[in-house]
Amino acid sequence: MDKLITAILDGDSAMAVSKARQLNASGLSPEKIIIEGVEAAMSALDTKCTLEDFNLLEIMLAGRAVMEVTKLFWPSGAVKDSAKGTVVIAALEGDVHDLGKNILKMVLTGKGYNVVDCGKNCPLQKLADAAAAERPLAVGLSGLITTVIPVVRQVKGALAARGLDNVKVFAGGAALKQSTPGMLNVDFVAESAFDVLRFLSGLGKGIR
């Protein structure tokens, strides 16, 4: 696992995919590889981003390696099963980091959810409008920096203003997962993409 983490942080996509294949062949589940390998590397990247101890090329190459490993297990072209419902996701305005959000998108898509991605640095109104159009099972918020917390706290109110009081809101990411649901005014705070899967499995099919 350490070799996988090192390959990701070195930005070596080919080596990272090779190590992930080896780990999977040895009997480790994709979930374990993502949580203990990819997300551990992401945590190191998150720390560098927060401390501004990085260069753009380093982050881009590491991010590419992360995405290639994730696609190994959850191809972005996976067939969607709309019966599972739609999830709207975003990194809210003020946060331009979207690596974690992109991984969540791949995992959810691979598991049969229809994912509507509002992107990074997303205005609250854009997110709420997307939710109003999609009538989703849930809305997911990814946050790397704590300055977006005040905006996160406004999401449920913005949804309620559009008649979406029953849409569940979950949050995750380096900054947000340090808080409680009450502090963020959300329904669930996830430690990983797989926490989100377990949360969603207990919900219905969205609002119609």
Protein backbone atom coordinates (compact mmCIF):
# COMPACT_ATOMS: atom_id res chain seq x y z
CA MET A 1 0.00 0.00 0.00
CA ASP A 2 2.88 2.37 0.79
CA LYS A 3 4.20 1.88 -2.75
CA LEU A 4 0.81 2.84 -4.16
CA ILE A 5 0.72 5.98 -2.03
CA THR A 6 4.26 6.89 -3.07
CA ALA A 7 3.46 6.37 -6.76
CA ILE A 8 0.43 8.66 -6.48
CA LEU A 9 2.36 11.38 -4.68
CA ASP A 10 5.13 11.07 -7.27
CA GLY A 11 2.52 11.58 -9.98
CA ASP A 12 3.43 8.26 -11.61
CA SER A 13 0.06 7.14 -13.03
CA ALA A 14 1.36 3.96 -14.66
CA MET A 15 3.08 2.80 -11.48
CA ALA A 16 0.06 3.70 -9.35
CA VAL A 17 -2.28 1.65 -11.57
CA SER A 18 0.21 -1.24 -11.57
CA LYS A 19 0.42 -1.26 -7.77
CA ALA A 20 -3.37 -1.04 -7.46
CA ARG A 21 -3.75 -4.04 -9.80
CA GLN A 22 -1.24 -6.00 -7.73
CA LEU A 23 -3.02 -5.19 -4.49
CA ASN A 24 -6.36 -6.22 -5.95
CA ALA A 25 -4.87 -9.46 -7.34
CA SER A 26 -3.50 -10.25 -3.88
CA GLY A 27 -7.01 -10.22 -2.50
CA LEU A 28 -7.55 -6.64 -1.33
CA SER A 29 -10.93 -5.19 -2.21
CA PRO A 30 -11.24 -2.03 -4.31
CA GLU A 31 -12.80 -0.34 -1.27
CA LYS A 32 -9.76 -1.11 0.91
CA ILE A 33 -7.37 0.03 -1.82
CA ILE A 34 -9.22 3.32 -2.28
CA ILE A 35 -9.60 4.07 1.43
CA GLU A 36 -6.14 2.99 2.63
CA GLY A 37 -4.21 3.89 -0.50
CA VAL A 38 -5.84 6.55 -2.63
CA GLU A 39 -7.54 8.45 0.17
CA ALA A 40 -4.36 8.34 2.27
CA ALA A 41 -2.51 9.93 -0.64
CA MET A 42 -5.33 12.45 -1.04
CA SER A 43 -5.01 13.36 2.62
CA ALA A 44 -1.36 14.18 2.05
CA LEU A 45 -2.32 16.24 -1.01
CA ASP A 46 -5.01 18.00 1.00
CA THR A 47 -2.44 18.94 3.64
CA LYS A 48 -0.12 20.34 1.00
CA CYS A 49 -2.94 22.34 -0.55
CA THR A 50 -3.99 23.72 2.81
CA LEU A 51 -0.42 24.69 3.72
CA GLU A 52 0.24 25.91 0.16
CA ASP A 53 3.34 23.70 0.23
CA PHE A 54 3.05 22.49 -3.35
CA ASN A 55 3.43 23.41 -6.98
CA LEU A 56 0.65 23.19 -9.52
CA LEU A 57 2.33 20.54 -11.68
CA GLU A 58 2.84 18.28 -8.65
CA ILE A 59 -0.83 18.46 -7.73
CA MET A 60 -1.96 17.95 -11.33
CA LEU A 61 0.19 14.83 -11.80
CA ALA A 62 -0.81 13.34 -8.46
CA GLY A 63 -4.45 14.10 -9.21
CA ARG A 64 -4.15 12.35 -12.56
CA ALA A 65 -2.68 9.28 -10.84
CA VAL A 66 -5.55 9.25 -8.35
CA MET A 67 -8.13 9.42 -11.12
CA GLU A 68 -6.47 6.61 -13.11
CA VAL A 69 -6.49 4.29 -10.09
CA THR A 70 -10.11 5.13 -9.36
CA LYS A 71 -11.11 4.52 -12.99
CA LEU A 72 -9.44 1.10 -12.76
CA PHE A 73 -12.24 -0.01 -10.45
CA TRP A 74 -15.02 2.38 -11.43
CA PRO A 75 -14.77 3.24 -15.14
CA SER A 76 -16.32 6.62 -15.86
CA GLY A 77 -18.34 5.02 -18.65
CA ALA A 78 -20.07 2.58 -16.32
CA VAL A 79 -23.71 1.94 -17.13
CA LYS A 80 -26.07 3.95 -14.96
CA ASP A 81 -29.07 2.44 -13.25
CA SER A 82 -31.41 5.38 -12.88
CA ALA A 83 -33.58 3.28 -10.56
CA LYS A 84 -31.02 4.01 -7.85
CA GLY A 85 -31.65 7.73 -8.17
CA THR A 86 -29.82 10.94 -8.95
CA VAL A 87 -27.25 12.67 -6.76
CA VAL A 88 -26.25 16.31 -7.32
CA ILE A 89 -22.70 17.14 -6.17
CA ALA A 90 -20.53 20.26 -6.01
CA ALA A 91 -17.58 22.00 -4.42
CA LEU A 92 -19.16 25.28 -3.36
CA GLU A 93 -18.14 28.81 -4.27
CA GLY A 94 -14.77 29.68 -2.80
CA ASP A 95 -13.38 26.15 -3.08
CA VAL A 96 -11.56 25.36 -6.33
CA HIS A 97 -10.42 21.88 -5.29
CA ASP A 98 -12.37 19.03 -6.85
CA LEU A 99 -10.23 15.89 -6.65
CA GLY A 100 -12.31 14.33 -3.88
CA LYS A 101 -15.54 15.30 -5.61
CA ASN A 102 -14.38 13.69 -8.84
CA ILE A 103 -13.54 10.45 -7.07
CA LEU A 104 -16.96 10.43 -5.42
CA LYS A 105 -18.53 10.94 -8.83
CA MET A 106 -16.71 7.93 -10.25
CA VAL A 107 -17.57 5.68 -7.31
CA LEU A 108 -21.25 6.64 -7.33
CA THR A 109 -21.49 6.28 -11.11
CA GLY A 110 -19.80 2.90 -10.94
CA LYS A 111 -22.34 1.80 -8.35
CA GLY A 112 -25.27 2.75 -10.55
CA TYR A 113 -26.23 6.27 -9.47
CA ASN A 114 -26.89 9.08 -11.92
CA VAL A 115 -24.51 11.87 -10.84
CA VAL A 116 -25.05 15.51 -11.80
CA ASP A 117 -21.78 17.37 -11.18
CA CYS A 118 -22.11 21.14 -10.69
CA GLY A 119 -18.33 21.51 -10.64
CA LYS A 120 -16.01 23.43 -8.35
CA ASN A 121 -16.35 27.01 -7.11
CA CYS A 122 -20.09 26.47 -7.58
CA PRO A 123 -22.46 29.32 -6.59
CA LEU A 124 -25.15 28.30 -4.13
CA GLN A 125 -27.90 29.37 -6.55
CA LYS A 126 -26.50 27.15 -9.31
CA LEU A 127 -26.48 24.16 -6.98
CA ALA A 128 -30.04 24.82 -5.78
CA ASP A 129 -31.26 25.32 -9.35
CA ALA A 130 -29.71 22.01 -10.39
CA ALA A 131 -31.38 20.26 -7.48
CA ALA A 132 -34.73 21.83 -8.41
CA ALA A 133 -34.35 20.57 -11.97
CA GLU A 134 -33.18 17.07 -11.06
CA ARG A 135 -35.32 16.39 -7.94
CA PRO A 136 -32.47 14.25 -6.58
CA LEU A 137 -32.11 11.58 -3.97
CA ALA A 138 -29.49 13.75 -2.25
CA VAL A 139 -27.13 16.69 -2.64
CA GLY A 140 -23.45 16.19 -1.88
CA LEU A 141 -20.97 18.90 -0.89
CA SER A 142 -17.20 18.52 -1.07
CA GLY A 143 -14.99 20.95 0.83
CA LEU A 144 -11.24 21.20 1.26
CA ILE A 145 -11.13 24.62 2.92
CA THR A 146 -12.99 25.77 6.03
CA THR A 147 -13.97 29.12 4.52
CA VAL A 148 -16.80 27.41 2.61
CA ILE A 149 -18.53 26.24 5.81
CA PRO A 150 -20.83 29.32 6.03
CA VAL A 151 -22.03 28.58 2.49
CA VAL A 152 -22.49 24.89 3.30
CA ARG A 153 -24.76 25.89 6.18
CA GLN A 154 -27.04 27.73 3.73
CA VAL A 155 -27.65 24.80 1.39
CA LYS A 156 -30.64 23.26 3.15
CA GLY A 157 -32.32 26.66 3.33
CA ALA A 158 -31.74 27.24 -0.38
CA LEU A 159 -33.25 23.84 -1.16
CA ALA A 160 -36.22 24.46 1.12
CA ALA A 161 -36.90 27.74 -0.69
CA ARG A 162 -37.39 25.65 -3.84
CA GLY A 163 -39.70 23.15 -2.16
CA LEU A 164 -36.95 20.57 -1.66
CA ASP A 165 -37.16 20.27 2.12
CA ASN A 166 -36.98 16.48 1.92
CA VAL A 167 -33.79 16.27 -0.14
CA LYS A 168 -30.98 14.95 2.04
CA VAL A 169 -27.67 16.81 2.12
CA PHE A 170 -24.33 15.18 2.85
CA ALA A 171 -20.85 16.65 3.12
CA GLY A 172 -17.27 15.39 2.95
CA GLY A 173 -13.72 16.44 2.25
CA ALA A 174 -10.76 17.44 4.37
CA ALA A 175 -12.39 20.52 5.90
CA LEU A 176 -15.99 19.39 6.19
CA LYS A 177 -15.44 15.94 7.65
CA GLN A 178 -13.91 17.57 10.72
CA SER A 179 -17.33 18.97 11.60
CA THR A 180 -20.59 17.42 12.79
CA PRO A 181 -23.84 17.40 10.82
CA GLY A 182 -25.25 19.92 13.27
CA MET A 183 -22.34 22.31 12.78
CA LEU A 184 -22.74 22.15 9.00
CA ASN A 185 -26.55 22.02 8.95
CA VAL A 186 -26.49 18.83 6.85
CA ASP A 187 -27.91 15.33 7.28
CA PHE A 188 -24.69 13.36 7.09
CA VAL A 189 -20.91 13.89 7.16
CA ALA A 190 -18.91 11.24 5.30
CA GLU A 191 -15.38 10.07 6.01
CA SER A 192 -15.07 8.50 2.56
CA ALA A 193 -16.91 7.92 -0.71
CA PHE A 194 -17.97 4.55 0.64
CA ASP A 195 -19.61 6.18 3.64
CA VAL A 196 -21.71 8.07 1.08
CA LEU A 197 -22.72 4.80 -0.60
CA ARG A 198 -23.92 3.39 2.71
CA PHE A 199 -25.81 6.59 3.45
CA LEU A 200 -27.50 6.64 0.06
CA SER A 201 -28.50 2.99 0.27
CA GLY A 202 -30.78 3.87 3.16
CA LEU A 203 -32.65 6.55 1.24
CA GLY A 204 -35.59 6.39 -1.15
CA LYS A 205 -35.62 7.27 -4.85
CA GLY A 206 -35.76 11.06 -4.54
CA ILE A 207 -38.61 13.54 -4.92
CA ARG A 208 -41.08 13.42 -7.80
